[in-house]
């Protein structure tokens, strides 16, 4: 298993009340300027990889803007292997007013640029983009998301990218709220480029059984973790031994990425990485006795 952290730059993840994170303002140039420091913090924490928001590759920004981010990654031992917050909230994926040509262009550029910096997985959470508008038929919205994911399979697959459908709890999205629902969507699309993410925080918020993770099997390609209050792993009461057991039963051995709110990113990233390595090693020892 490999361990990393999501860096809260160009992310659409709602912050937990009272918690801070790395913030560099809304301007893209300021965000990219914060990237080297974030990567150094992850290196010092002993992480294996970094996870950024897709906004950092600027899908709707010119190439010269993207080059700022690419340059900011140069020289770091930590690589940006995964990207979350796929679709910006203003690029609507469901409803009568969606702009299909804009969506296609956004996805094509995002996939090409993520691939160019070495990314292999894009996480499709994007609650603001995928939410079903009031009064719009849910079945039609589901069909629109299925069509979107087929298009993603074409464009992201051509760039060597896999898309992981992320369940979001009901406060963040009104569709695809559970691992079971995300897995059902991935099975309907039935393309190797479209798979599933398990997020410990959303699993706990939805009170979903761990068996939902086990049932994903090989369709599970990425994992997000946090702890009580959406703070860093090891700081709360989440049942990590049972969570690891579910990953083991799904034969999952890829990446675990911390997606939480930080009060002190550098210090807490070290604590989180150490906790995950130690607790996971203990779990594996129990499983393999």
Protein backbone atom coordinates (compact mmCIF):
# COMPACT_ATOMS: atom_id res chain seq x y z
CA UNK A 1 0.00 0.00 0.00
CA UNK A 2 1.15 3.55 -0.74
CA UNK A 3 0.18 6.58 1.32
CA UNK A 4 -0.30 10.20 0.34
CA UNK A 5 -2.26 13.37 1.02
CA UNK A 6 -4.68 15.60 -0.82
CA UNK A 7 -3.39 19.17 -1.02
CA UNK A 8 -6.17 21.73 -0.52
CA UNK A 9 -5.40 23.91 -3.53
CA UNK A 10 -8.01 24.35 -6.29
CA UNK A 11 -10.28 21.92 -4.44
CA UNK A 12 -14.06 22.09 -4.16
CA UNK A 13 -14.16 20.05 -0.93
CA UNK A 14 -16.28 21.85 1.70
CA UNK A 15 -14.15 22.65 4.77
CA UNK A 16 -15.19 21.49 8.22
CA UNK A 17 -16.28 24.40 10.38
CA UNK A 18 -13.38 25.80 12.38
CA UNK A 19 -10.68 23.85 10.52
CA UNK A 20 -7.95 25.43 8.45
CA UNK A 21 -6.02 24.21 5.41
CA UNK A 22 -3.29 25.33 3.04
CA UNK A 23 -4.85 28.27 1.27
CA UNK A 24 -3.20 30.58 -1.21
CA UNK A 25 -6.11 32.74 -2.29
CA UNK A 26 -8.32 32.29 -5.29
CA UNK A 27 -5.83 33.36 -7.94
CA UNK A 28 -4.29 30.52 -9.91
CA UNK A 29 -0.81 32.07 -9.80
CA UNK A 30 -0.92 32.26 -6.01
CA UNK A 31 -2.07 28.66 -5.77
CA UNK A 32 0.71 27.38 -7.99
CA UNK A 33 3.23 29.38 -5.95
CA UNK A 34 2.18 27.33 -2.90
CA UNK A 35 2.81 23.98 -4.60
CA UNK A 36 6.56 23.57 -3.85
CA UNK A 37 6.01 24.19 -0.13
CA UNK A 38 3.16 21.68 -0.08
CA UNK A 39 5.31 19.05 -1.77
CA UNK A 40 8.15 19.65 0.69
CA UNK A 41 5.71 19.18 3.56
CA UNK A 42 4.58 15.84 2.09
CA UNK A 43 8.19 14.74 1.57
CA UNK A 44 9.00 15.57 5.20
CA UNK A 45 5.87 13.69 6.30
CA UNK A 46 7.09 10.55 4.52
CA UNK A 47 4.27 10.44 1.98
CA UNK A 48 4.58 8.44 -1.23
CA UNK A 49 2.54 10.71 -3.50
CA UNK A 50 0.53 13.92 -3.71
CA UNK A 51 -3.08 14.44 -4.75
CA UNK A 52 -4.17 17.83 -6.12
CA UNK A 53 -7.42 19.25 -7.40
CA UNK A 54 -7.97 19.13 -11.16
CA UNK A 55 -8.28 22.90 -10.99
CA UNK A 56 -4.50 23.00 -10.64
CA UNK A 57 -4.11 21.89 -14.28
CA UNK A 58 -6.47 24.69 -15.34
CA UNK A 59 -8.85 22.89 -17.73
CA UNK A 60 -10.32 26.22 -18.83
CA UNK A 61 -7.08 28.21 -18.62
CA UNK A 62 -4.50 28.74 -21.40
CA UNK A 63 -1.47 26.49 -21.79
CA UNK A 64 0.88 29.06 -20.31
CA UNK A 65 -1.09 29.00 -17.06
CA UNK A 66 -0.87 25.22 -16.88
CA UNK A 67 2.87 25.47 -17.43
CA UNK A 68 3.13 27.37 -14.13
CA UNK A 69 1.79 24.34 -12.30
CA UNK A 70 3.93 21.91 -14.29
CA UNK A 71 7.03 23.96 -13.43
CA UNK A 72 6.03 24.05 -9.76
CA UNK A 73 6.14 20.23 -9.69
CA UNK A 74 9.65 20.04 -11.15
CA UNK A 75 12.38 18.68 -8.91
CA UNK A 76 10.16 17.22 -6.21
CA UNK A 77 10.57 13.60 -5.19
CA UNK A 78 6.84 13.48 -4.47
CA UNK A 79 4.79 13.13 -7.66
CA UNK A 80 1.24 14.23 -8.36
CA UNK A 81 -0.24 10.80 -9.06
CA UNK A 82 -3.92 11.55 -8.42
CA UNK A 83 -6.28 14.48 -8.93
CA UNK A 84 -9.65 15.13 -7.31
CA UNK A 85 -12.46 17.71 -7.64
CA UNK A 86 -12.76 16.79 -11.31
CA UNK A 87 -15.48 19.11 -12.62
CA UNK A 88 -15.85 22.72 -11.48
CA UNK A 89 -19.25 23.52 -9.94
CA UNK A 90 -20.15 25.93 -12.75
CA UNK A 91 -19.77 23.20 -15.40
CA UNK A 92 -23.13 21.51 -14.88
CA UNK A 93 -23.38 17.81 -15.76
CA UNK A 94 -27.10 17.35 -15.18
CA UNK A 95 -30.23 19.27 -16.03
CA UNK A 96 -31.67 20.95 -19.08
CA UNK A 97 -29.02 23.66 -19.29
CA UNK A 98 -25.86 21.56 -19.45
CA UNK A 99 -23.43 22.54 -22.19
CA UNK A 100 -22.20 19.26 -23.66
CA UNK A 101 -19.53 20.78 -25.90
CA UNK A 102 -18.08 22.67 -22.93
CA UNK A 103 -18.09 19.51 -20.82
CA UNK A 104 -16.30 17.53 -23.55
CA UNK A 105 -13.65 20.22 -23.94
CA UNK A 106 -13.16 20.48 -20.18
CA UNK A 107 -12.70 16.71 -19.80
CA UNK A 108 -10.36 16.40 -22.77
CA UNK A 109 -8.06 19.18 -21.56
CA UNK A 110 -8.14 17.99 -17.95
CA UNK A 111 -7.23 14.42 -18.91
CA UNK A 112 -4.45 15.51 -21.25
CA UNK A 113 -2.90 17.82 -18.65
CA UNK A 114 -3.23 15.39 -15.74
CA UNK A 115 -1.48 12.79 -17.88
CA UNK A 116 1.23 15.29 -18.84
CA UNK A 117 2.27 15.72 -15.19
CA UNK A 118 2.21 11.98 -14.46
CA UNK A 119 -1.25 11.57 -12.98
CA UNK A 120 -3.05 8.27 -13.39
CA UNK A 121 -6.34 8.67 -11.48
CA UNK A 122 -8.95 11.44 -11.54
CA UNK A 123 -11.53 11.39 -8.75
CA UNK A 124 -15.08 12.23 -9.81
CA UNK A 125 -16.77 13.72 -6.77
CA UNK A 126 -17.81 17.17 -8.00
CA UNK A 127 -21.06 17.47 -6.08
CA UNK A 128 -21.73 20.99 -7.32
CA UNK A 129 -21.45 19.87 -10.93
CA UNK A 130 -23.39 16.61 -10.71
CA UNK A 131 -26.24 17.61 -8.37
CA UNK A 132 -29.70 17.00 -9.82
CA UNK A 133 -31.52 20.33 -10.28
CA UNK A 134 -34.80 20.82 -8.44
CA UNK A 135 -37.68 19.41 -10.44
CA UNK A 136 -35.45 17.55 -12.90
CA UNK A 137 -36.19 13.80 -13.23
CA UNK A 138 -33.64 11.75 -11.31
CA UNK A 139 -33.69 8.97 -13.90
CA UNK A 140 -32.76 11.47 -16.61
CA UNK A 141 -29.96 12.87 -14.45
CA UNK A 142 -28.60 9.36 -13.92
CA UNK A 143 -28.68 8.80 -17.70
CA UNK A 144 -26.81 12.08 -18.20
CA UNK A 145 -24.12 11.04 -15.72
CA UNK A 146 -23.82 7.66 -17.40
CA UNK A 147 -23.37 9.41 -20.75
CA UNK A 148 -20.79 11.70 -19.16
CA UNK A 149 -18.83 8.74 -17.80
CA UNK A 150 -18.80 7.01 -21.19
CA UNK A 151 -17.35 10.18 -22.68
CA UNK A 152 -14.78 10.28 -19.86
CA UNK A 153 -13.83 6.69 -20.63
CA UNK A 154 -13.10 7.69 -24.21
CA UNK A 155 -11.12 10.85 -23.48
CA UNK A 156 -9.44 9.94 -20.21
CA UNK A 157 -8.73 6.42 -21.41
CA UNK A 158 -6.91 7.81 -24.43
CA UNK A 159 -4.67 9.71 -22.01
CA UNK A 160 -4.03 6.65 -19.82
CA UNK A 161 -6.27 7.94 -17.02
CA UNK A 162 -8.81 6.08 -14.89
CA UNK A 163 -11.83 7.86 -13.41
CA UNK A 164 -12.85 6.93 -9.85
CA UNK A 165 -16.48 7.69 -8.97
CA UNK A 166 -16.53 9.16 -5.46
CA UNK A 167 -19.65 8.76 -3.29
CA UNK A 168 -20.49 12.02 -1.50
CA UNK A 169 -22.71 12.23 1.55
CA UNK A 170 -26.16 13.78 1.23
CA UNK A 171 -25.04 17.17 2.52
CA UNK A 172 -22.62 17.49 -0.41
CA UNK A 173 -24.57 15.85 -3.23
CA UNK A 174 -28.07 14.61 -3.96
CA UNK A 175 -26.91 11.74 -6.19
CA UNK A 176 -24.33 8.91 -5.89
CA UNK A 177 -24.17 9.10 -2.09
CA UNK A 178 -22.87 5.62 -1.26
CA UNK A 179 -20.17 3.21 -2.35
CA UNK A 180 -22.95 0.82 -3.38
CA UNK A 181 -24.47 3.46 -5.70
CA UNK A 182 -21.09 4.43 -7.16
CA UNK A 183 -20.29 0.78 -7.78
CA UNK A 184 -23.66 0.22 -9.46
CA UNK A 185 -22.96 3.15 -11.79
CA UNK A 186 -19.50 1.81 -12.62
CA UNK A 187 -21.02 -1.59 -13.42
CA UNK A 188 -23.64 0.01 -15.68
CA UNK A 189 -21.01 1.95 -17.61
CA UNK A 190 -18.92 -1.22 -17.75
CA UNK A 191 -15.73 0.38 -19.06
CA UNK A 192 -12.27 -0.37 -17.57
CA UNK A 193 -11.54 3.36 -17.37
CA UNK A 194 -14.47 3.93 -14.97
CA UNK A 195 -14.12 2.61 -11.44
CA UNK A 196 -14.87 3.41 -7.79
CA UNK A 197 -13.39 5.30 -4.87
CA UNK A 198 -14.13 4.52 -1.22
CA UNK A 199 -14.02 7.52 1.11
CA UNK A 200 -13.98 6.66 4.81
CA UNK A 201 -15.51 10.01 5.81
CA UNK A 202 -18.46 9.75 3.44
CA UNK A 203 -18.93 6.07 4.35
CA UNK A 204 -19.25 7.04 8.01
CA UNK A 205 -21.52 10.02 7.30
CA UNK A 206 -23.89 7.75 5.35
CA UNK A 207 -23.59 4.94 7.92
CA UNK A 208 -22.88 2.57 5.06
CA UNK A 209 -21.70 -0.95 5.96
CA UNK A 210 -18.08 -1.86 5.26
CA UNK A 211 -19.32 -4.75 3.13
CA UNK A 212 -20.05 -2.22 0.38
CA UNK A 213 -16.29 -1.76 -0.04
CA UNK A 214 -15.68 -5.50 -0.07
CA UNK A 215 -18.29 -5.95 -2.82
CA UNK A 216 -16.44 -3.58 -5.17
CA UNK A 217 -13.56 -5.98 -5.67
CA UNK A 218 -11.32 -4.95 -8.56
CA UNK A 219 -13.52 -1.94 -9.38
CA UNK A 220 -12.08 -0.18 -6.32
CA UNK A 221 -9.08 1.85 -7.55
CA UNK A 222 -8.61 4.66 -5.01
CA UNK A 223 -9.25 5.43 -1.34
CA UNK A 224 -9.70 8.61 0.70
CA UNK A 225 -9.46 8.67 4.49
CA UNK A 226 -10.04 11.07 7.36
CA UNK A 227 -11.18 10.72 10.97
CA UNK A 228 -13.85 12.03 13.32
CA UNK A 229 -14.90 15.56 12.32
CA UNK A 230 -13.12 15.10 8.97
CA UNK A 231 -9.78 15.71 10.65
CA UNK A 232 -6.57 13.77 10.14
CA UNK A 233 -6.36 9.96 10.55
CA UNK A 234 -5.47 8.87 14.06
CA UNK A 235 -7.02 11.94 15.69
CA UNK A 236 -10.48 10.47 16.22
CA UNK A 237 -12.58 7.35 16.64
CA UNK A 238 -13.00 5.85 13.18
CA UNK A 239 -12.71 2.06 13.08
CA UNK A 240 -9.57 1.76 10.96
CA UNK A 241 -9.01 -1.97 11.66
CA UNK A 242 -12.43 -2.77 10.17
CA UNK A 243 -11.85 -0.38 7.27
CA UNK A 244 -8.54 -2.09 6.47
CA UNK A 245 -10.26 -5.45 6.67
CA UNK A 246 -12.75 -4.29 4.03
CA UNK A 247 -9.90 -3.15 1.76
CA UNK A 248 -8.18 -6.50 2.28
CA UNK A 249 -11.36 -8.39 1.38
CA UNK A 250 -11.62 -6.29 -1.80
CA UNK A 251 -8.01 -7.26 -2.58
CA UNK A 252 -7.13 -3.57 -2.64
CA UNK A 253 -3.43 -2.66 -2.52
CA UNK A 254 -2.94 0.63 -4.37
CA UNK A 255 -3.10 4.06 -2.71
CA UNK A 256 -4.62 5.54 0.43
CA UNK A 257 -4.88 9.33 0.32
CA UNK A 258 -5.69 11.56 3.29
CA UNK A 259 -8.50 13.95 2.39
CA UNK A 260 -9.31 15.99 5.45
CA UNK A 261 -9.28 19.48 6.89
CA UNK A 262 -6.04 20.59 8.48
CA UNK A 263 -5.33 22.90 11.37
CA UNK A 264 -1.55 22.55 10.87
CA UNK A 265 -0.85 20.87 7.53
CA UNK A 266 2.87 20.11 8.00
CA UNK A 267 2.58 18.76 11.53
CA UNK A 268 -0.64 16.83 11.01
CA UNK A 269 0.47 15.31 7.69
CA UNK A 270 3.39 13.72 9.55
CA UNK A 271 1.08 12.36 12.23
CA UNK A 272 -1.40 11.08 9.64
CA UNK A 273 1.23 9.35 7.51
CA UNK A 274 2.84 7.70 10.53
CA UNK A 275 -0.51 6.53 11.88
CA UNK A 276 -1.59 5.06 8.55
CA UNK A 277 1.67 3.18 8.00
CA UNK A 278 1.75 1.75 11.52
CA UNK A 279 -1.93 0.87 11.77
CA UNK A 280 -2.01 -0.65 8.30
CA UNK A 281 1.10 -2.75 9.00
CA UNK A 282 -0.52 -4.02 12.21
CA UNK A 283 -3.67 -4.90 10.29
CA UNK A 284 -1.80 -6.77 7.56
CA UNK A 285 0.06 -8.76 10.19
CA UNK A 286 -3.28 -9.86 11.66
CA UNK A 287 -4.72 -10.74 8.25
CA UNK A 288 -1.76 -12.88 7.23
CA UNK A 289 -1.22 -14.89 10.42
